[in-house]
Protein backbone atom coordinates (compact mmCIF):
# COMPACT_ATOMS: atom_id res chain seq x y z
CA MET A 1 8.30 -59.56 -24.01
CA ILE A 2 5.42 -56.75 -24.73
CA ARG A 3 4.23 -56.71 -28.38
CA PHE A 4 3.84 -53.04 -29.86
CA ALA A 5 -0.22 -53.48 -29.87
CA GLU A 6 -0.17 -53.91 -26.23
CA TYR A 7 2.33 -51.18 -25.76
CA ARG A 8 -0.24 -48.72 -27.34
CA THR A 9 -3.16 -49.90 -25.15
CA VAL A 10 -1.04 -49.54 -21.74
CA ALA A 11 0.25 -46.26 -23.00
CA ARG A 12 -3.25 -45.15 -23.83
CA LEU A 13 -4.44 -45.98 -20.44
CA LEU A 14 -1.67 -44.09 -18.88
CA VAL A 15 -2.04 -40.85 -20.84
CA LEU A 16 -5.68 -40.54 -20.76
CA PRO A 17 -6.15 -39.74 -17.00
CA ILE A 18 -2.57 -38.01 -17.06
CA LEU A 19 -4.08 -35.51 -19.86
CA ALA A 20 -7.63 -35.40 -17.88
CA GLY A 21 -5.71 -34.43 -14.58
CA ALA A 22 -3.68 -31.64 -16.56
CA ALA A 23 -6.95 -30.15 -17.84
CA MET A 24 -8.80 -30.04 -14.75
CA LEU A 25 -5.56 -28.55 -12.95
CA ALA A 26 -5.80 -25.83 -15.79
CA GLU A 27 -9.30 -24.85 -14.92
CA ALA A 28 -9.04 -24.61 -11.57
CA GLY A 29 -6.11 -22.32 -12.17
CA SER A 30 -7.96 -20.01 -14.33
CA CYS A 31 -11.15 -20.22 -11.65
CA LEU A 32 -8.37 -19.03 -9.23
CA ALA A 33 -7.12 -16.64 -11.42
CA GLN A 34 -10.48 -14.78 -11.88
CA THR A 35 -11.29 -14.45 -8.09
CA ARG A 36 -7.39 -13.32 -7.19
CA THR A 37 -7.32 -9.80 -5.68
CA ALA A 38 -4.27 -7.83 -6.55
CA GLU A 39 -1.08 -8.20 -4.27
CA ASP A 40 -0.85 -5.90 -1.30
CA LEU A 41 0.04 -2.33 -1.77
CA ILE A 42 2.76 -1.19 0.46
CA VAL A 43 2.63 2.76 1.51
CA ASN A 44 4.95 4.17 3.78
CA TYR A 45 4.03 6.01 6.87
CA ASP A 46 3.41 9.69 5.79
CA GLN A 47 4.10 9.15 2.17
CA SER A 48 1.93 8.44 -0.78
CA GLN A 49 1.88 5.88 -3.76
CA LEU A 50 -0.06 6.44 -6.84
CA VAL A 51 -2.35 3.63 -8.04
CA LYS A 52 -3.73 3.54 -11.85
CA LEU A 53 -7.08 2.36 -12.59
CA PRO A 54 -8.23 0.99 -15.96
CA ARG A 55 -11.55 2.92 -15.93
CA PRO A 56 -12.71 5.95 -13.85
CA ALA A 57 -13.59 5.58 -9.84
CA ALA A 58 -17.16 6.28 -8.96
CA GLU A 59 -16.76 5.14 -5.33
CA ILE A 60 -14.11 4.15 -2.93
CA ILE A 61 -14.53 2.26 0.27
CA ILE A 62 -11.40 2.45 3.00
CA GLY A 63 -11.71 -0.35 5.73
CA ASN A 64 -9.89 1.87 8.09
CA PRO A 65 -9.54 5.43 7.37
CA SER A 66 -7.34 6.25 10.12
CA ILE A 67 -4.67 4.02 8.61
CA ALA A 68 -4.54 5.13 4.92
CA ASP A 69 -6.33 8.03 2.83
CA VAL A 70 -7.43 7.88 -0.67
CA SER A 71 -7.97 10.45 -3.05
CA VAL A 72 -9.21 10.54 -6.48
CA GLN A 73 -6.87 12.49 -9.43
CA ASN A 74 -8.41 12.49 -12.64
CA GLY A 75 -10.54 9.79 -12.40
CA ASN A 76 -8.30 7.04 -13.12
CA LEU A 77 -5.51 7.95 -10.69
CA LEU A 78 -5.82 7.54 -6.94
CA VAL A 79 -3.31 9.00 -4.59
CA VAL A 80 -2.92 6.37 -1.32
CA THR A 81 -1.34 8.18 1.86
CA GLY A 82 -0.30 6.14 4.80
CA LYS A 83 -1.48 7.79 7.86
CA THR A 84 -0.61 5.23 10.84
CA PHE A 85 0.97 1.90 10.79
CA GLY A 86 -1.47 -0.87 10.20
CA ILE A 87 -3.15 -2.69 7.71
CA THR A 88 -6.42 -2.04 5.76
CA ASN A 89 -8.43 -2.58 2.73
CA MET A 90 -9.46 -0.50 -0.17
CA ILE A 91 -12.27 -1.39 -2.67
CA VAL A 92 -13.07 0.85 -5.76
CA LEU A 93 -16.16 0.83 -7.69
CA ASP A 94 -17.12 2.22 -10.85
CA ALA A 95 -20.27 3.86 -11.51
CA GLN A 96 -22.23 0.61 -12.25
CA LYS A 97 -21.18 -0.81 -8.75
CA ASN A 98 -18.59 -3.34 -10.43
CA ILE A 99 -15.76 -3.90 -8.73
CA ILE A 100 -12.51 -2.28 -10.21
CA LEU A 101 -9.99 -3.03 -7.37
CA ASP A 102 -9.99 -4.61 -4.08
CA GLN A 103 -6.92 -4.56 -2.43
CA ARG A 104 -4.93 -4.71 1.10
CA ILE A 105 -2.96 -1.87 1.95
CA LEU A 106 -0.03 -2.24 4.13
CA VAL A 107 1.40 1.13 5.95
CA LYS A 108 4.93 0.36 7.51
CA ARG A 109 7.69 2.34 8.29
CA ASP A 110 10.23 3.74 5.99
CA GLU A 111 13.52 2.26 7.02
CA ALA A 112 15.89 3.83 4.46
CA LYS A 113 18.18 6.57 6.29
CA VAL A 114 16.05 6.27 9.33
CA VAL A 115 18.08 5.79 12.82
CA ASN A 116 16.44 4.84 15.99
CA LEU A 117 18.05 5.73 19.12
CA MET A 118 17.15 3.29 21.85
CA ARG A 119 17.44 4.27 25.67
CA GLY A 120 16.14 1.00 27.24
CA THR A 121 12.51 0.57 25.70
CA GLN A 122 12.46 3.98 24.65
CA ARG A 123 12.89 5.08 21.05
CA GLN A 124 13.89 8.31 19.28
CA SER A 125 13.57 8.65 15.59
CA TYR A 126 15.83 10.44 13.39
CA ASN A 127 15.74 11.11 9.64
CA CYS A 128 19.48 11.07 8.28
CA THR A 129 19.40 12.59 4.66
CA PRO A 130 22.57 13.33 5.31
CA GLN A 131 22.20 15.29 8.65
CA CYS A 132 20.28 13.54 11.31
CA ASN A 133 17.33 15.55 12.11
CA PRO A 134 14.44 14.51 14.67
CA SER A 135 11.35 12.83 13.09
CA ILE A 136 7.51 12.61 14.60
CA VAL A 137 7.00 8.87 14.41
CA ILE A 138 4.10 6.88 16.32
CA GLY A 139 5.81 4.78 18.70
CA ASP A 140 8.55 6.85 19.80
CA GLU A 141 8.99 8.18 23.50
CA ASP A 142 6.10 10.30 24.59
CA ALA A 143 8.34 13.25 25.65
CA TYR A 144 10.53 13.02 22.80
CA PHE A 145 7.38 13.01 20.38
CA ASP A 146 5.59 15.77 22.12
CA SER A 147 8.57 17.80 21.93
CA VAL A 148 9.13 17.31 18.26
CA ALA A 149 5.71 17.87 17.54
CA LYS A 150 5.39 21.34 19.22
CA ALA A 151 8.68 22.35 17.64
CA SER A 152 7.44 21.35 14.04
CA GLU A 153 4.00 23.16 14.91
CA LYS A 154 5.97 26.29 16.03
CA LYS A 155 7.90 26.15 12.67
CA MET A 156 4.84 25.90 10.61
CA GLY A 157 3.22 28.50 12.65
CA PHE A 158 5.98 30.69 11.56
CA SER A 159 5.75 29.78 8.00
CA GLU A 160 1.98 30.69 7.78
CA ARG A 161 2.39 34.01 9.54
CA SER A 162 5.13 34.65 7.30
CA ALA A 163 3.31 33.74 4.09
CA ASP A 164 0.04 35.55 5.39
CA HIS A 165 1.95 38.83 6.14
CA GLY A 166 3.56 38.47 2.29
CA ALA A 167 0.14 38.06 1.13
CA GLN A 168 -1.33 40.96 2.71
CA THR A 169 1.70 43.36 1.65
CA GLY A 170 1.55 42.45 -1.84
CA GLY A 171 4.82 40.22 -1.66
CA GLN A 172 6.79 43.29 -0.60
């Protein structure tokens, strides 16, 4: 039979190491929280995401500018645009060269309302919102990609010439 005094001694011997271990885990967790970077920023190909900063950015470093582009709006707001598929990172510094943000950027394909037509290993992409229209997507069959790109360039040329003509005639 264990007496009350012996029970208190045993309880103290067990509780103190448990509390010490919990304190060490809490301290380790707070150290990890201080060095942890932000979660990945997921940006769809050919689309943009807004990132709000806690203070104005003075300098932005992009690991691979061919994957994503970043521009500053009003100092505290970034516009991140996905240029091609892949993963890169951005580091945002303030005027004193302190890190405001250190974040990976993942540029992925937007799968919503996209239809892929597969012919063997050749892919053609269509944007179906609500009608299916050809899309220019990296990785599509070369001939299809070139055909859609040329048609898009022609259309933009017509629009630009029309806008230039309207500006020269005063909009009449």
